[in-house]
PDB file of N, CA and C in Angstrom:
ATOM      1  N   UNK A   1      36.115  37.663   8.128  1.00  0.00           N
ATOM      2  CA  UNK A   1      37.104  37.561   7.077  1.00  0.00           C
ATOM      3  C   UNK A   1      36.409  37.049   5.821  1.00  0.00           C
ATOM      4  N   UNK A   2      36.767  37.605   4.669  1.00  0.00           N
ATOM      5  CA  UNK A   2      36.143  37.239   3.398  1.00  0.00           C
ATOM      6  C   UNK A   2      36.586  35.881   2.908  1.00  0.00           C
ATOM      7  N   UNK A   3      35.794  35.330   2.028  1.00  0.00           N
ATOM      8  CA  UNK A   3      36.153  34.040   1.450  1.00  0.00           C
ATOM      9  C   UNK A   3      37.110  34.249   0.281  1.00  0.00           C
ATOM     10  N   UNK A   4      37.932  33.262   0.069  1.00  0.00           N
ATOM     11  CA  UNK A   4      38.903  33.342  -1.020  1.00  0.00           C
ATOM     12  C   UNK A   4      38.212  33.018  -2.340  1.00  0.00           C
ATOM     13  N   UNK A   5      38.525  33.797  -3.377  1.00  0.00           N
ATOM     14  CA  UNK A   5      37.938  33.565  -4.701  1.00  0.00           C
ATOM     15  C   UNK A   5      38.504  32.292  -5.304  1.00  0.00           C
ATOM     16  N   UNK A   6      37.640  31.563  -5.966  1.00  0.00           N
ATOM     17  CA  UNK A   6      38.106  30.361  -6.654  1.00  0.00           C
ATOM     18  C   UNK A   6      38.795  30.766  -7.945  1.00  0.00           C
ATOM     19  N   UNK A   7      39.843  30.051  -8.278  1.00  0.00           N
ATOM     20  CA  UNK A   7      40.549  30.299  -9.527  1.00  0.00           C
ATOM     21  C   UNK A   7      40.518  29.016 -10.348  1.00  0.00           C
ATOM     22  N   UNK A   8      40.300  29.180 -11.630  1.00  0.00           N
ATOM     23  CA  UNK A   8      40.195  28.046 -12.525  1.00  0.00           C
ATOM     24  C   UNK A   8      41.313  28.117 -13.556  1.00  0.00           C
ATOM     25  N   UNK A   9      41.861  26.973 -13.899  1.00  0.00           N
ATOM     26  CA  UNK A   9      42.932  26.935 -14.891  1.00  0.00           C
ATOM     27  C   UNK A   9      42.350  27.153 -16.286  1.00  0.00           C
ATOM     28  N   UNK A  10      43.161  27.639 -17.221  1.00  0.00           N
ATOM     29  CA  UNK A  10      42.685  27.799 -18.600  1.00  0.00           C
ATOM     30  C   UNK A  10      42.215  26.479 -19.199  1.00  0.00           C
ATOM     31  N   UNK A  11      42.870  25.387 -18.842  1.00  0.00           N
ATOM     32  CA  UNK A  11      42.483  24.086 -19.368  1.00  0.00           C
ATOM     33  C   UNK A  11      41.093  23.690 -18.865  1.00  0.00           C
ATOM     34  N   UNK A  12      40.817  23.951 -17.576  1.00  0.00           N
ATOM     35  CA  UNK A  12      39.497  23.656 -17.017  1.00  0.00           C
ATOM     36  C   UNK A  12      38.423  24.466 -17.727  1.00  0.00           C
ATOM     37  N   UNK A  13      38.707  25.742 -17.969  1.00  0.00           N
ATOM     38  CA  UNK A  13      37.735  26.610 -18.638  1.00  0.00           C
ATOM     39  C   UNK A  13      37.436  26.109 -20.047  1.00  0.00           C
ATOM     40  N   UNK A  14      38.486  25.768 -20.802  1.00  0.00           N
ATOM     41  CA  UNK A  14      38.283  25.271 -22.163  1.00  0.00           C
ATOM     42  C   UNK A  14      37.513  23.955 -22.172  1.00  0.00           C
ATOM     43  N   UNK A  15      37.843  23.067 -21.250  1.00  0.00           N
ATOM     44  CA  UNK A  15      37.158  21.784 -21.185  1.00  0.00           C
ATOM     45  C   UNK A  15      35.688  21.977 -20.823  1.00  0.00           C
ATOM     46  N   UNK A  16      35.399  22.911 -19.944  1.00  0.00           N
ATOM     47  CA  UNK A  16      34.012  23.197 -19.571  1.00  0.00           C
ATOM     48  C   UNK A  16      33.245  23.774 -20.753  1.00  0.00           C
ATOM     49  N   UNK A  17      33.888  24.660 -21.519  1.00  0.00           N
ATOM     50  CA  UNK A  17      33.241  25.230 -22.710  1.00  0.00           C
ATOM     51  C   UNK A  17      32.988  24.132 -23.736  1.00  0.00           C
ATOM     52  N   UNK A  18      33.952  23.240 -23.933  1.00  0.00           N
ATOM     53  CA  UNK A  18      33.766  22.122 -24.873  1.00  0.00           C
ATOM     54  C   UNK A  18      32.623  21.216 -24.425  1.00  0.00           C
ATOM     55  N   UNK A  19      32.559  20.977 -23.112  1.00  0.00           N
ATOM     56  CA  UNK A  19      31.485  20.153 -22.568  1.00  0.00           C
ATOM     57  C   UNK A  19      30.125  20.793 -22.829  1.00  0.00           C
ATOM     58  N   UNK A  20      30.029  22.092 -22.646  1.00  0.00           N
ATOM     59  CA  UNK A  20      28.769  22.800 -22.870  1.00  0.00           C
ATOM     60  C   UNK A  20      28.397  22.788 -24.353  1.00  0.00           C
ATOM     61  N   UNK A  21      29.390  22.953 -25.224  1.00  0.00           N
ATOM     62  CA  UNK A  21      29.113  22.957 -26.667  1.00  0.00           C
ATOM     63  C   UNK A  21      28.695  21.583 -27.171  1.00  0.00           C
ATOM     64  N   UNK A  22      29.303  20.545 -26.640  1.00  0.00           N
ATOM     65  CA  UNK A  22      29.035  19.203 -27.133  1.00  0.00           C
ATOM     66  C   UNK A  22      27.855  18.514 -26.458  1.00  0.00           C
ATOM     67  N   UNK A  23      27.235  19.176 -25.524  1.00  0.00           N
ATOM     68  CA  UNK A  23      26.162  18.563 -24.761  1.00  0.00           C
ATOM     69  C   UNK A  23      24.790  19.005 -25.266  1.00  0.00           C
ATOM     70  N   UNK A  24      23.835  18.127 -25.122  1.00  0.00           N
ATOM     71  CA  UNK A  24      22.448  18.454 -25.452  1.00  0.00           C
ATOM     72  C   UNK A  24      21.780  19.196 -24.288  1.00  0.00           C
ATOM     73  N   UNK A  25      22.448  19.183 -23.138  1.00  0.00           N
ATOM     74  CA  UNK A  25      21.886  19.799 -21.933  1.00  0.00           C
ATOM     75  C   UNK A  25      21.933  21.319 -22.036  1.00  0.00           C
ATOM     76  N   UNK A  26      21.034  21.997 -21.340  1.00  0.00           N
ATOM     77  CA  UNK A  26      21.087  23.462 -21.309  1.00  0.00           C
ATOM     78  C   UNK A  26      22.368  23.944 -20.624  1.00  0.00           C
ATOM     79  N   UNK A  27      22.797  25.108 -20.995  1.00  0.00           N
ATOM     80  CA  UNK A  27      24.026  25.682 -20.455  1.00  0.00           C
ATOM     81  C   UNK A  27      23.966  25.780 -18.936  1.00  0.00           C
ATOM     82  N   UNK A  28      22.812  26.147 -18.411  1.00  0.00           N
ATOM     83  CA  UNK A  28      22.683  26.303 -16.958  1.00  0.00           C
ATOM     84  C   UNK A  28      22.883  24.972 -16.234  1.00  0.00           C
ATOM     85  N   UNK A  29      22.418  23.879 -16.815  1.00  0.00           N
ATOM     86  CA  UNK A  29      22.594  22.573 -16.173  1.00  0.00           C
ATOM     87  C   UNK A  29      24.062  22.158 -16.200  1.00  0.00           C
ATOM     88  N   UNK A  30      24.726  22.382 -17.324  1.00  0.00           N
ATOM     89  CA  UNK A  30      26.160  22.046 -17.419  1.00  0.00           C
ATOM     90  C   UNK A  30      26.934  22.845 -16.386  1.00  0.00           C
ATOM     91  N   UNK A  31      26.627  24.127 -16.263  1.00  0.00           N
ATOM     92  CA  UNK A  31      27.309  24.975 -15.281  1.00  0.00           C
ATOM     93  C   UNK A  31      27.081  24.458 -13.866  1.00  0.00           C
ATOM     94  N   UNK A  32      25.858  24.084 -13.558  1.00  0.00           N
ATOM     95  CA  UNK A  32      25.530  23.576 -12.223  1.00  0.00           C
ATOM     96  C   UNK A  32      26.287  22.288 -11.941  1.00  0.00           C
ATOM     97  N   UNK A  33      26.375  21.403 -12.941  1.00  0.00           N
ATOM     98  CA  UNK A  33      27.076  20.126 -12.765  1.00  0.00           C
ATOM     99  C   UNK A  33      28.569  20.332 -12.524  1.00  0.00           C
ATOM    100  N   UNK A  34      29.120  21.346 -13.143  1.00  0.00           N
ATOM    101  CA  UNK A  34      30.548  21.627 -12.989  1.00  0.00           C
ATOM    102  C   UNK A  34      30.812  22.413 -11.702  1.00  0.00           C
ATOM    103  N   UNK A  35      29.793  23.104 -11.207  1.00  0.00           N
ATOM    104  CA  UNK A  35      29.942  23.847  -9.960  1.00  0.00           C
ATOM    105  C   UNK A  35      30.243  25.320 -10.145  1.00  0.00           C
ATOM    106  N   UNK A  36      29.790  25.890 -11.249  1.00  0.00           N
ATOM    107  CA  UNK A  36      29.993  27.325 -11.489  1.00  0.00           C
ATOM    108  C   UNK A  36      28.650  27.964 -11.829  1.00  0.00           C
ATOM    109  N   UNK A  37      28.630  29.296 -11.862  1.00  0.00           N
ATOM    110  CA  UNK A  37      27.419  30.021 -12.227  1.00  0.00           C
ATOM    111  C   UNK A  37      27.240  29.994 -13.746  1.00  0.00           C
ATOM    112  N   UNK A  38      26.000  29.955 -14.215  1.00  0.00           N
ATOM    113  CA  UNK A  38      25.757  29.972 -15.667  1.00  0.00           C
ATOM    114  C   UNK A  38      26.328  31.215 -16.347  1.00  0.00           C
ATOM    115  N   UNK A  39      26.277  32.351 -15.671  1.00  0.00           N
ATOM    116  CA  UNK A  39      26.820  33.571 -16.276  1.00  0.00           C
ATOM    117  C   UNK A  39      28.326  33.464 -16.500  1.00  0.00           C
ATOM    118  N   UNK A  40      29.005  32.762 -15.604  1.00  0.00           N
ATOM    119  CA  UNK A  40      30.447  32.570 -15.753  1.00  0.00           C
ATOM    120  C   UNK A  40      30.738  31.697 -16.969  1.00  0.00           C
ATOM    121  N   UNK A  41      29.951  30.644 -17.135  1.00  0.00           N
ATOM    122  CA  UNK A  41      30.141  29.763 -18.287  1.00  0.00           C
ATOM    123  C   UNK A  41      29.847  30.504 -19.588  1.00  0.00           C
ATOM    124  N   UNK A  42      28.814  31.338 -19.593  1.00  0.00           N
ATOM    125  CA  UNK A  42      28.511  32.132 -20.796  1.00  0.00           C
ATOM    126  C   UNK A  42      29.673  33.061 -21.123  1.00  0.00           C
ATOM    127  N   UNK A  43      30.245  33.673 -20.099  1.00  0.00           N
ATOM    128  CA  UNK A  43      31.386  34.571 -20.297  1.00  0.00           C
ATOM    129  C   UNK A  43      32.584  33.808 -20.863  1.00  0.00           C
ATOM    130  N   UNK A  44      32.874  32.647 -20.303  1.00  0.00           N
ATOM    131  CA  UNK A  44      33.978  31.821 -20.803  1.00  0.00           C
ATOM    132  C   UNK A  44      33.736  31.422 -22.253  1.00  0.00           C
ATOM    133  N   UNK A  45      32.499  31.074 -22.557  1.00  0.00           N
ATOM    134  CA  UNK A  45      32.159  30.649 -23.915  1.00  0.00           C
ATOM    135  C   UNK A  45      32.371  31.793 -24.906  1.00  0.00           C
ATOM    136  N   UNK A  46      31.912  32.991 -24.541  1.00  0.00           N
ATOM    137  CA  UNK A  46      32.092  34.169 -25.398  1.00  0.00           C
ATOM    138  C   UNK A  46      33.582  34.447 -25.624  1.00  0.00           C
ATOM    139  N   UNK A  47      34.352  34.374 -24.540  1.00  0.00           N
ATOM    140  CA  UNK A  47      35.786  34.644 -24.638  1.00  0.00           C
ATOM    141  C   UNK A  47      36.482  33.596 -25.501  1.00  0.00           C
ATOM    142  N   UNK A  48      36.116  32.337 -25.355  1.00  0.00           N
ATOM    143  CA  UNK A  48      36.729  31.270 -26.156  1.00  0.00           C
ATOM    144  C   UNK A  48      36.378  31.426 -27.628  1.00  0.00           C
ATOM    145  N   UNK A  49      35.150  31.825 -27.926  1.00  0.00           N
ATOM    146  CA  UNK A  49      34.739  32.013 -29.318  1.00  0.00           C
ATOM    147  C   UNK A  49      35.454  33.197 -29.955  1.00  0.00           C
ATOM    148  N   UNK A  50      35.670  34.254 -29.193  1.00  0.00           N
ATOM    149  CA  UNK A  50      36.323  35.437 -29.755  1.00  0.00           C
ATOM    150  C   UNK A  50      37.813  35.217 -29.982  1.00  0.00           C
ATOM    151  N   UNK A  51      38.398  34.261 -29.255  1.00  0.00           N
ATOM    152  CA  UNK A  51      39.835  33.989 -29.396  1.00  0.00           C
ATOM    153  C   UNK A  51      40.083  32.570 -29.890  1.00  0.00           C
ATOM    154  N   UNK A  52      39.228  32.091 -30.742  1.00  0.00           N
ATOM    155  CA  UNK A  52      39.338  30.721 -31.262  1.00  0.00           C
ATOM    156  C   UNK A  52      40.661  30.542 -32.001  1.00  0.00           C
ATOM    157  N   UNK A  53      41.261  29.384 -31.833  1.00  0.00           N
ATOM    158  CA  UNK A  53      42.500  29.065 -32.525  1.00  0.00           C
ATOM    159  C   UNK A  53      43.753  29.386 -31.735  1.00  0.00           C
ATOM    160  N   UNK A  54      43.613  30.049 -30.604  1.00  0.00           N
ATOM    161  CA  UNK A  54      44.770  30.374 -29.778  1.00  0.00           C
ATOM    162  C   UNK A  54      45.020  29.270 -28.758  1.00  0.00           C
ATOM    163  N   UNK A  55      46.170  29.313 -28.114  1.00  0.00           N
ATOM    164  CA  UNK A  55      46.474  28.337 -27.071  1.00  0.00           C
ATOM    165  C   UNK A  55      45.608  28.611 -25.855  1.00  0.00           C
ATOM    166  N   UNK A  56      45.414  27.614 -24.980  1.00  0.00           N
ATOM    167  CA  UNK A  56      44.593  27.840 -23.781  1.00  0.00           C
ATOM    168  C   UNK A  56      45.082  29.010 -22.934  1.00  0.00           C
ATOM    169  N   UNK A  57      46.381  29.188 -22.840  1.00  0.00           N
ATOM    170  CA  UNK A  57      46.927  30.297 -22.047  1.00  0.00           C
ATOM    171  C   UNK A  57      46.613  31.646 -22.688  1.00  0.00           C
ATOM    172  N   UNK A  58      46.491  31.675 -24.015  1.00  0.00           N
ATOM    173  CA  UNK A  58      46.166  32.926 -24.698  1.00  0.00           C
ATOM    174  C   UNK A  58      44.666  33.189 -24.734  1.00  0.00           C
ATOM    175  N   UNK A  59      43.862  32.128 -24.691  1.00  0.00           N
ATOM    176  CA  UNK A  59      42.412  32.309 -24.672  1.00  0.00           C
ATOM    177  C   UNK A  59      41.984  32.865 -23.319  1.00  0.00           C
ATOM    178  N   UNK A  60      42.542  32.302 -22.244  1.00  0.00           N
ATOM    179  CA  UNK A  60      42.245  32.740 -20.889  1.00  0.00           C
ATOM    180  C   UNK A  60      43.558  33.118 -20.202  1.00  0.00           C
ATOM    181  N   UNK A  61      44.100  34.325 -20.491  1.00  0.00           N
ATOM    182  CA  UNK A  61      45.411  34.678 -19.955  1.00  0.00           C
ATOM    183  C   UNK A  61      45.431  34.923 -18.451  1.00  0.00           C
ATOM    184  N   UNK A  62      44.333  35.310 -17.840  1.00  0.00           N
ATOM    185  CA  UNK A  62      44.297  35.558 -16.404  1.00  0.00           C
ATOM    186  C   UNK A  62      44.283  37.040 -16.100  1.00  0.00           C
ATOM    187  N   UNK A  63      44.150  37.352 -14.842  1.00  0.00           N
ATOM    188  CA  UNK A  63      44.036  38.751 -14.413  1.00  0.00           C
ATOM    189  C   UNK A  63      45.331  39.517 -14.648  1.00  0.00           C
ATOM    190  N   UNK A  64      45.249  40.554 -15.457  1.00  0.00           N
ATOM    191  CA  UNK A  64      46.394  41.420 -15.691  1.00  0.00           C
ATOM    192  C   UNK A  64      47.442  40.851 -16.615  1.00  0.00           C
ATOM    193  N   UNK A  65      47.259  39.652 -17.094  1.00  0.00           N
ATOM    194  CA  UNK A  65      48.240  39.044 -17.988  1.00  0.00           C
ATOM    195  C   UNK A  65      47.819  39.275 -19.423  1.00  0.00           C
ATOM    196  N   UNK A  66      48.810  39.384 -20.294  1.00  0.00           N
ATOM    197  CA  UNK A  66      48.552  39.624 -21.707  1.00  0.00           C
ATOM    198  C   UNK A  66      48.735  38.347 -22.499  1.00  0.00           C
ATOM    199  N   UNK A  67      48.094  38.286 -23.650  1.00  0.00           N
ATOM    200  CA  UNK A  67      48.339  37.166 -24.547  1.00  0.00           C
ATOM    201  C   UNK A  67      49.754  37.322 -25.095  1.00  0.00           C
ATOM    202  N   UNK A  68      50.288  36.278 -25.688  1.00  0.00           N
ATOM    203  CA  UNK A  68      51.672  36.333 -26.168  1.00  0.00           C
ATOM    204  C   UNK A  68      51.849  37.400 -27.240  1.00  0.00           C
ATOM    205  N   UNK A  69      50.866  37.580 -28.118  1.00  0.00           N
ATOM    206  CA  UNK A  69      51.001  38.612 -29.151  1.00  0.00           C
ATOM    207  C   UNK A  69      50.913  40.011 -28.546  1.00  0.00           C
ATOM    208  N   UNK A  70      50.042  40.203 -27.551  1.00  0.00           N
ATOM    209  CA  UNK A  70      49.953  41.511 -26.894  1.00  0.00           C
ATOM    210  C   UNK A  70      51.236  41.824 -26.135  1.00  0.00           C
ATOM    211  N   UNK A  71      51.825  40.807 -25.521  1.00  0.00           N
ATOM    212  CA  UNK A  71      53.083  40.989 -24.799  1.00  0.00           C
ATOM    213  C   UNK A  71      54.204  41.364 -25.765  1.00  0.00           C
ATOM    214  N   UNK A  72      54.234  40.725 -26.934  1.00  0.00           N
ATOM    215  CA  UNK A  72      55.253  41.036 -27.937  1.00  0.00           C
ATOM    216  C   UNK A  72      55.103  42.480 -28.424  1.00  0.00           C
ATOM    217  N   UNK A  73      53.885  42.918 -28.651  1.00  0.00           N
ATOM    218  CA  UNK A  73      53.637  44.299 -29.082  1.00  0.00           C
ATOM    219  C   UNK A  73      54.110  45.278 -28.015  1.00  0.00           C
ATOM    220  N   UNK A  74      53.830  44.970 -26.754  1.00  0.00           N
ATOM    221  CA  UNK A  74      54.259  45.837 -25.655  1.00  0.00           C
ATOM    222  C   UNK A  74      55.783  45.945 -25.621  1.00  0.00           C
ATOM    223  N   UNK A  75      56.466  44.809 -25.767  1.00  0.00           N
ATOM    224  CA  UNK A  75      57.932  44.805 -25.760  1.00  0.00           C
ATOM    225  C   UNK A  75      58.487  45.608 -26.941  1.00  0.00           C
ATOM    226  N   UNK A  76      57.889  45.442 -28.114  1.00  0.00           N
ATOM    227  CA  UNK A  76      58.371  46.172 -29.289  1.00  0.00           C
ATOM    228  C   UNK A  76      58.162  47.679 -29.148  1.00  0.00           C
ATOM    229  N   UNK A  77      57.059  48.079 -28.546  1.00  0.00           N
ATOM    230  CA  UNK A  77      56.826  49.509 -28.326  1.00  0.00           C
ATOM    231  C   UNK A  77      57.842  50.092 -27.354  1.00  0.00           C
ATOM    232  N   UNK A  78      58.171  49.336 -26.300  1.00  0.00           N
ATOM    233  CA  UNK A  78      59.183  49.796 -25.353  1.00  0.00           C
ATOM    234  C   UNK A  78      60.547  49.934 -26.041  1.00  0.00           C
ATOM    235  N   UNK A  79      60.876  48.947 -26.862  1.00  0.00           N
ATOM    236  CA  UNK A  79      62.150  48.983 -27.582  1.00  0.00           C
ATOM    237  C   UNK A  79      62.193  50.160 -28.561  1.00  0.00           C
ATOM    238  N   UNK A  80      61.085  50.410 -29.256  1.00  0.00           N
ATOM    239  CA  UNK A  80      61.011  51.530 -30.185  1.00  0.00           C
ATOM    240  C   UNK A  80      61.207  52.854 -29.455  1.00  0.00           C
ATOM    241  N   UNK A  81      60.589  53.008 -28.303  1.00  0.00           N
ATOM    242  CA  UNK A  81      60.734  54.238 -27.528  1.00  0.00           C
ATOM    243  C   UNK A  81      62.183  54.441 -27.102  1.00  0.00           C
ATOM    244  N   UNK A  82      62.846  53.371 -26.697  1.00  0.00           N
ATOM    245  CA  UNK A  82      64.241  53.474 -26.291  1.00  0.00           C
ATOM    246  C   UNK A  82      65.122  53.873 -27.481  1.00  0.00           C
ATOM    247  N   UNK A  83      64.895  53.308 -28.642  1.00  0.00           N
ATOM    248  CA  UNK A  83      65.674  53.634 -29.840  1.00  0.00           C
ATOM    249  C   UNK A  83      65.452  55.096 -30.232  1.00  0.00           C
ATOM    250  N   UNK A  84      64.200  55.571 -30.116  1.00  0.00           N
ATOM    251  CA  UNK A  84      63.920  56.978 -30.426  1.00  0.00           C
ATOM    252  C   UNK A  84      64.670  57.909 -29.480  1.00  0.00           C
ATOM    253  N   UNK A  85      64.709  57.569 -28.205  1.00  0.00           N
ATOM    254  CA  UNK A  85      65.435  58.397 -27.240  1.00  0.00           C
ATOM    255  C   UNK A  85      66.922  58.416 -27.546  1.00  0.00           C
ATOM    256  N   UNK A  86      67.482  57.261 -27.897  1.00  0.00           N
ATOM    257  CA  UNK A  86      68.900  57.200 -28.257  1.00  0.00           C
ATOM    258  C   UNK A  86      69.179  58.023 -29.509  1.00  0.00           C
ATOM    259  N   UNK A  87      68.299  57.930 -30.500  1.00  0.00           N
ATOM    260  CA  UNK A  87      68.450  58.704 -31.734  1.00  0.00           C
ATOM    261  C   UNK A  87      68.435  60.197 -31.444  1.00  0.00           C
ATOM    262  N   UNK A  88      67.479  60.638 -30.634  1.00  0.00           N
ATOM    263  CA  UNK A  88      67.386  62.062 -30.285  1.00  0.00           C
ATOM    264  C   UNK A  88      68.620  62.535 -29.538  1.00  0.00           C
ATOM    265  N   UNK A  89      69.145  61.693 -28.666  1.00  0.00           N
ATOM    266  CA  UNK A  89      70.357  62.047 -27.919  1.00  0.00           C
ATOM    267  C   UNK A  89      71.534  62.211 -28.888  1.00  0.00           C
ATOM    268  N   UNK A  90      71.658  61.289 -29.838  1.00  0.00           N
ATOM    269  CA  UNK A  90      72.765  61.357 -30.784  1.00  0.00           C
ATOM    270  C   UNK A  90      72.624  62.567 -31.715  1.00  0.00           C
ATOM    271  N   UNK A  91      71.395  62.924 -32.075  1.00  0.00           N
ATOM    272  CA  UNK A  91      71.181  64.114 -32.894  1.00  0.00           C
ATOM    273  C   UNK A  91      71.660  65.356 -32.158  1.00  0.00           C
ATOM    274  N   UNK A  92      71.326  65.457 -30.889  1.00  0.00           N
ATOM    275  CA  UNK A  92      71.729  66.632 -30.096  1.00  0.00           C
ATOM    276  C   UNK A  92      73.227  66.643 -29.893  1.00  0.00           C
ATOM    277  N   UNK A  93      73.837  65.477 -29.758  1.00  0.00           N
ATOM    278  CA  UNK A  93      75.277  65.392 -29.521  1.00  0.00           C
ATOM    279  C   UNK A  93      76.074  65.824 -30.757  1.00  0.00           C
ATOM    280  N   UNK A  94      75.547  65.614 -31.935  1.00  0.00           N
ATOM    281  CA  UNK A  94      76.282  65.957 -33.150  1.00  0.00           C
ATOM    282  C   UNK A  94      76.161  67.428 -33.493  1.00  0.00           C
ATOM    283  N   UNK A  95      75.211  68.127 -32.906  1.00  0.00           N
ATOM    284  CA  UNK A  95      75.002  69.534 -33.216  1.00  0.00           C
ATOM    285  C   UNK A  95      75.975  70.413 -32.497  1.00  0.00           C
TER     286      UNK A  95
END
């Protein structure tokens, strides 16, 4: 039977990235001290830098989850499609 994958909270990821940024130690040593692979910490750091200024949940939304702005866009597109279908139905009904 396979081992279960470890899951880390967005807060843990952000705190680990802050620790790596604020430390004089090499990234690999910080990763080892925290108990993760250096490549994982580099990935978290890249992701945090690209989404700077967002909430922890939006910086690291998780597998298959969208950030709040992406979720809002998805909802608006669904609503727009529904309105277009209703409009087309009403156009056909008036003819």
